Amino acid sequence: MPTVRTTMRPDQPIEVGEAEYLDLQRQGLLVEPPEPPAVMPVTKKAVPSATSKEG
């Protein structure tokens, strides 16, 4: 049995059956859990190496 939060009572988690869960989901009455913040990928800066010799 899934535990859900509804838009009518978002502060109270309730246990519902599979059919009731689908009905609530279809009606848009479920409160979605907050998404974790997006993490930006770390990019490395191009740094000239000390061993490379130019010109």
Protein backbone atom coordinates (compact mmCIF):
# COMPACT_ATOMS: atom_id res chain seq x y z
CA MET A 1 0.00 0.00 0.00
CA PRO A 2 1.48 3.35 -1.00
CA THR A 3 1.63 6.18 1.51
CA VAL A 4 0.65 9.45 -0.14
CA ARG A 5 -0.12 13.08 0.65
CA THR A 6 -3.15 14.69 -0.95
CA THR A 7 -3.78 18.29 -1.91
CA MET A 8 -6.69 18.32 0.54
CA ARG A 9 -4.50 17.36 3.52
CA PRO A 10 -0.83 17.73 2.53
CA ASP A 11 0.32 17.58 6.17
CA GLN A 12 -1.13 14.09 6.75
CA PRO A 13 0.33 11.04 5.00
CA ILE A 14 -2.32 8.40 4.32
CA GLU A 15 -2.13 4.80 3.14
CA VAL A 16 -4.21 3.99 0.09
CA GLY A 17 -4.77 0.93 -2.05
CA GLU A 18 -3.48 0.66 -5.60
CA ALA A 19 -6.85 1.49 -7.18
CA GLU A 20 -7.38 4.51 -4.93
CA TYR A 21 -3.82 5.69 -5.66
CA LEU A 22 -4.49 5.56 -9.41
CA ASP A 23 -7.78 7.44 -8.98
CA LEU A 24 -6.12 10.19 -6.90
CA GLN A 25 -3.28 10.43 -9.42
CA ARG A 26 -5.67 10.72 -12.39
CA GLN A 27 -7.60 13.47 -10.61
CA GLY A 28 -4.41 15.41 -9.82
CA LEU A 29 -4.99 15.22 -6.07
CA LEU A 30 -1.58 13.86 -5.06
CA VAL A 31 1.14 16.11 -3.69
CA GLU A 32 4.35 15.27 -5.49
CA PRO A 33 7.48 14.95 -3.37
CA PRO A 34 9.90 17.84 -3.85
CA GLU A 35 12.58 17.17 -6.43
CA PRO A 36 16.17 17.34 -5.26
CA PRO A 37 17.99 20.44 -6.46
CA ALA A 38 19.66 20.05 -9.82
CA VAL A 39 23.41 19.63 -9.65
CA MET A 40 25.40 21.36 -12.32
CA PRO A 41 28.21 19.24 -13.76
CA VAL A 42 31.69 20.39 -12.85
CA THR A 43 33.74 21.37 -15.86
CA LYS A 44 37.51 21.57 -15.75
CA LYS A 45 39.19 24.71 -16.91
CA ALA A 46 41.87 24.30 -19.56
CA VAL A 47 45.16 25.20 -17.93
CA PRO A 48 48.35 25.19 -20.02
CA SER A 49 50.83 22.71 -18.64
CA ALA A 50 54.25 23.86 -17.52
CA THR A 51 55.96 21.32 -19.79
CA SER A 52 54.50 22.58 -23.04
CA LYS A 53 56.77 24.97 -24.88
CA GLU A 54 55.41 27.46 -27.32
CA GLY A 55 57.28 28.94 -30.24
